[in-house]
Amino acid sequence: MIQSNKFRKSERLSSQKEIQALFSDGHSFHSFPFRVVWKFSDKPDNHLARVVISVPKRKFKKAVDRNLIRRRIKEVYRVQKHILYDHLDQAEVKLIFMLMYTHDEIMDFNELEGKISKLLVRFKQEVKVNT
């Protein structure tokens, strides 16, 4: 499957129903600085994975800081999502998941790149165990 390097709006998870379903019967794991909650999706759509990115207001009071972290995470995910998509395409499954930033400080872009690549590799292992 040919994949675009874009991060389209349709790849973002925004349905309150699906987000609640994620928390009620999803799986989770922690990979510093993220907590990941995920579940298989049965919704017929064009994307192998849909994601929501969360940065807590409790830890970052200023919206400017939350938005900065969220933008960095989205950009790193956009560039590296092929790692996860290749695996999902082979396994013929679709996922919805949430990335929750749990660190107390703002990480720079290069640090986030390393952390998200490790997270995606771990994510592939988690999905393999449960398929």
C-alpha atoms as a PDB file:
ATOM      1  CA  MET A   1       0.000   0.000   0.000  1.00  0.00           C
ATOM      2  CA  ILE A   2       1.374   3.401  -0.956  1.00  0.00           C
ATOM      3  CA  GLN A   3       1.229   5.788   1.949  1.00  0.00           C
ATOM      4  CA  SER A   4       1.256   9.522   2.008  1.00  0.00           C
ATOM      5  CA  ASN A   5       3.544  11.410   4.310  1.00  0.00           C
ATOM      6  CA  LYS A   6       0.659  13.755   5.135  1.00  0.00           C
ATOM      7  CA  PHE A   7      -1.298  13.819   8.364  1.00  0.00           C
ATOM      8  CA  ARG A   8      -4.854  14.373   7.181  1.00  0.00           C
ATOM      9  CA  LYS A   9      -7.814  15.366   9.271  1.00  0.00           C
ATOM     10  CA  SER A  10      -9.399  11.988   8.534  1.00  0.00           C
ATOM     11  CA  GLU A  11      -6.432  10.320  10.304  1.00  0.00           C
ATOM     12  CA  ARG A  12      -7.294  12.136  13.506  1.00  0.00           C
ATOM     13  CA  LEU A  13      -9.672  10.571  15.963  1.00  0.00           C
ATOM     14  CA  SER A  14     -12.339  13.046  17.021  1.00  0.00           C
ATOM     15  CA  SER A  15     -15.452  11.008  17.750  1.00  0.00           C
ATOM     16  CA  GLN A  16     -16.376  11.198  21.434  1.00  0.00           C
ATOM     17  CA  LYS A  17     -17.996   7.764  21.171  1.00  0.00           C
ATOM     18  CA  GLU A  18     -14.813   6.162  19.876  1.00  0.00           C
ATOM     19  CA  ILE A  19     -12.643   7.936  22.446  1.00  0.00           C
ATOM     20  CA  GLN A  20     -14.902   6.691  25.249  1.00  0.00           C
ATOM     21  CA  ALA A  21     -14.777   3.177  23.777  1.00  0.00           C
ATOM     22  CA  LEU A  22     -10.990   3.452  23.791  1.00  0.00           C
ATOM     23  CA  PHE A  23     -10.951   4.025  27.532  1.00  0.00           C
ATOM     24  CA  SER A  24     -13.643   1.489  28.351  1.00  0.00           C
ATOM     25  CA  ASP A  25     -12.287  -1.520  26.460  1.00  0.00           C
ATOM     26  CA  GLY A  26      -8.904  -0.500  25.059  1.00  0.00           C
ATOM     27  CA  HIS A  27      -5.423  -1.740  25.908  1.00  0.00           C
ATOM     28  CA  SER A  28      -2.711   0.522  27.260  1.00  0.00           C
ATOM     29  CA  PHE A  29       1.004   0.703  27.882  1.00  0.00           C
ATOM     30  CA  HIS A  30       3.495   3.333  28.974  1.00  0.00           C
ATOM     31  CA  SER A  31       6.553   4.338  26.981  1.00  0.00           C
ATOM     32  CA  PHE A  32       8.161   7.427  28.476  1.00  0.00           C
ATOM     33  CA  PRO A  33       7.043  10.208  27.938  1.00  0.00           C
ATOM     34  CA  PHE A  34       3.773   8.779  26.604  1.00  0.00           C
ATOM     35  CA  ARG A  35       0.891   6.659  27.762  1.00  0.00           C
ATOM     36  CA  VAL A  36      -0.759   4.909  24.837  1.00  0.00           C
ATOM     37  CA  VAL A  37      -4.336   3.649  24.894  1.00  0.00           C
ATOM     38  CA  TRP A  38      -5.354   1.647  21.833  1.00  0.00           C
ATOM     39  CA  LYS A  39      -7.879  -0.767  20.426  1.00  0.00           C
ATOM     40  CA  PHE A  40      -8.696  -2.392  17.125  1.00  0.00           C
ATOM     41  CA  SER A  41     -11.151  -0.513  14.975  1.00  0.00           C
ATOM     42  CA  ASP A  42     -13.971  -2.119  13.056  1.00  0.00           C
ATOM     43  CA  LYS A  43     -15.030   1.127  11.381  1.00  0.00           C
ATOM     44  CA  PRO A  44     -14.586   0.907   7.600  1.00  0.00           C
ATOM     45  CA  ASP A  45     -12.377   3.825   6.622  1.00  0.00           C
ATOM     46  CA  ASN A  46      -9.373   4.427   4.396  1.00  0.00           C
ATOM     47  CA  HIS A  47      -6.784   4.773   7.145  1.00  0.00           C
ATOM     48  CA  LEU A  48      -5.001   2.003   9.001  1.00  0.00           C
ATOM     49  CA  ALA A  49      -4.635   4.081  12.165  1.00  0.00           C
ATOM     50  CA  ARG A  50      -6.420   7.081  13.608  1.00  0.00           C
ATOM     51  CA  VAL A  51      -4.897   8.985  16.489  1.00  0.00           C
ATOM     52  CA  VAL A  52      -5.696  11.638  19.064  1.00  0.00           C
ATOM     53  CA  ILE A  53      -2.870  13.488  20.800  1.00  0.00           C
ATOM     54  CA  SER A  54      -3.411  14.745  24.325  1.00  0.00           C
ATOM     55  CA  VAL A  55      -1.321  17.132  26.420  1.00  0.00           C
ATOM     56  CA  PRO A  56      -2.779  17.658  29.910  1.00  0.00           C
ATOM     57  CA  LYS A  57      -3.770  21.103  31.095  1.00  0.00           C
ATOM     58  CA  ARG A  58      -2.893  20.021  34.616  1.00  0.00           C
ATOM     59  CA  LYS A  59       0.829  19.860  33.768  1.00  0.00           C
ATOM     60  CA  PHE A  60       0.996  22.704  31.222  1.00  0.00           C
ATOM     61  CA  LYS A  61      -1.168  25.627  32.247  1.00  0.00           C
ATOM     62  CA  LYS A  62      -0.353  27.779  29.217  1.00  0.00           C
ATOM     63  CA  ALA A  63      -2.107  26.861  25.977  1.00  0.00           C
ATOM     64  CA  VAL A  64       0.981  28.025  24.092  1.00  0.00           C
ATOM     65  CA  ASP A  65       3.031  25.267  25.732  1.00  0.00           C
ATOM     66  CA  ARG A  66       0.378  22.589  25.141  1.00  0.00           C
ATOM     67  CA  ASN A  67       0.052  23.577  21.490  1.00  0.00           C
ATOM     68  CA  LEU A  68       3.830  23.569  21.002  1.00  0.00           C
ATOM     69  CA  ILE A  69       4.118  20.035  22.363  1.00  0.00           C
ATOM     70  CA  ARG A  70       1.111  18.870  20.343  1.00  0.00           C
ATOM     71  CA  ARG A  71       2.516  20.353  17.107  1.00  0.00           C
ATOM     72  CA  ARG A  72       5.882  18.679  17.687  1.00  0.00           C
ATOM     73  CA  ILE A  73       4.289  15.312  18.389  1.00  0.00           C
ATOM     74  CA  LYS A  74       2.076  15.560  15.284  1.00  0.00           C
ATOM     75  CA  GLU A  75       5.053  16.388  13.075  1.00  0.00           C
ATOM     76  CA  VAL A  76       7.200  13.548  14.413  1.00  0.00           C
ATOM     77  CA  TYR A  77       4.282  11.122  14.078  1.00  0.00           C
ATOM     78  CA  ARG A  78       3.591  12.319  10.527  1.00  0.00           C
ATOM     79  CA  VAL A  79       7.167  11.590   9.459  1.00  0.00           C
ATOM     80  CA  GLN A  80       7.439   8.232  11.256  1.00  0.00           C
ATOM     81  CA  LYS A  81       3.943   6.776  10.909  1.00  0.00           C
ATOM     82  CA  HIS A  82       5.122   4.514   8.080  1.00  0.00           C
ATOM     83  CA  ILE A  83       6.782   2.308  10.739  1.00  0.00           C
ATOM     84  CA  LEU A  84       3.370   1.489  12.189  1.00  0.00           C
ATOM     85  CA  TYR A  85       1.446   1.560   8.901  1.00  0.00           C
ATOM     86  CA  ASP A  86       3.676  -1.056   7.252  1.00  0.00           C
ATOM     87  CA  HIS A  87       3.039  -3.439  10.150  1.00  0.00           C
ATOM     88  CA  LEU A  88      -0.708  -2.776  10.212  1.00  0.00           C
ATOM     89  CA  ASP A  89      -0.955  -3.296   6.460  1.00  0.00           C
ATOM     90  CA  GLN A  90       0.728  -6.699   6.746  1.00  0.00           C
ATOM     91  CA  ALA A  91      -1.432  -7.706   9.713  1.00  0.00           C
ATOM     92  CA  GLU A  92      -4.558  -6.402   7.935  1.00  0.00           C
ATOM     93  CA  VAL A  93      -5.894  -4.618  11.004  1.00  0.00           C
ATOM     94  CA  LYS A  94      -6.979  -1.070  11.777  1.00  0.00           C
ATOM     95  CA  LEU A  95      -6.355   0.786  15.015  1.00  0.00           C
ATOM     96  CA  ILE A  96      -7.509   3.782  16.938  1.00  0.00           C
ATOM     97  CA  PHE A  97      -5.230   5.108  19.639  1.00  0.00           C
ATOM     98  CA  MET A  98      -4.439   8.003  21.914  1.00  0.00           C
ATOM     99  CA  LEU A  99      -1.000   9.393  22.717  1.00  0.00           C
ATOM    100  CA  MET A 100      -0.991  11.125  26.100  1.00  0.00           C
ATOM    101  CA  TYR A 101       2.075  13.185  26.918  1.00  0.00           C
ATOM    102  CA  THR A 102       2.977  12.496  30.565  1.00  0.00           C
ATOM    103  CA  HIS A 103       6.288  14.322  31.030  1.00  0.00           C
ATOM    104  CA  ASP A 104       6.436  17.491  33.161  1.00  0.00           C
ATOM    105  CA  GLU A 105       8.772  19.396  30.848  1.00  0.00           C
ATOM    106  CA  ILE A 106       8.731  20.390  27.203  1.00  0.00           C
ATOM    107  CA  MET A 107      10.976  18.053  25.205  1.00  0.00           C
ATOM    108  CA  ASP A 108      12.750  19.334  22.135  1.00  0.00           C
ATOM    109  CA  PHE A 109      12.001  17.990  18.681  1.00  0.00           C
ATOM    110  CA  ASN A 110      15.031  15.684  18.421  1.00  0.00           C
ATOM    111  CA  GLU A 111      14.276  14.012  21.763  1.00  0.00           C
ATOM    112  CA  LEU A 112      10.662  13.454  20.722  1.00  0.00           C
ATOM    113  CA  GLU A 113      11.821  11.857  17.458  1.00  0.00           C
ATOM    114  CA  GLY A 114      13.758   9.188  19.338  1.00  0.00           C
ATOM    115  CA  LYS A 115      10.985   8.589  21.865  1.00  0.00           C
ATOM    116  CA  ILE A 116       8.251   8.241  19.235  1.00  0.00           C
ATOM    117  CA  SER A 117      10.315   5.878  17.081  1.00  0.00           C
ATOM    118  CA  LYS A 118      10.835   3.658  20.160  1.00  0.00           C
ATOM    119  CA  LEU A 119       7.134   3.940  20.943  1.00  0.00           C
ATOM    120  CA  LEU A 120       6.117   2.871  17.433  1.00  0.00           C
ATOM    121  CA  VAL A 121       8.439  -0.153  17.558  1.00  0.00           C
ATOM    122  CA  ARG A 122       6.956  -1.133  20.916  1.00  0.00           C
ATOM    123  CA  PHE A 123       3.494  -0.516  19.527  1.00  0.00           C
ATOM    124  CA  LYS A 124       4.184  -3.010  16.733  1.00  0.00           C
ATOM    125  CA  GLN A 125       5.106  -5.618  19.371  1.00  0.00           C
ATOM    126  CA  GLU A 126       1.975  -4.907  21.419  1.00  0.00           C
ATOM    127  CA  VAL A 127      -0.266  -5.300  18.368  1.00  0.00           C
ATOM    128  CA  LYS A 128       1.520  -8.521  17.331  1.00  0.00           C
ATOM    129  CA  VAL A 129       0.914 -10.073  20.760  1.00  0.00           C
ATOM    130  CA  ASN A 130      -2.787  -9.275  20.668  1.00  0.00           C
ATOM    131  CA  THR A 131      -3.585 -10.224  17.048  1.00  0.00           C
END
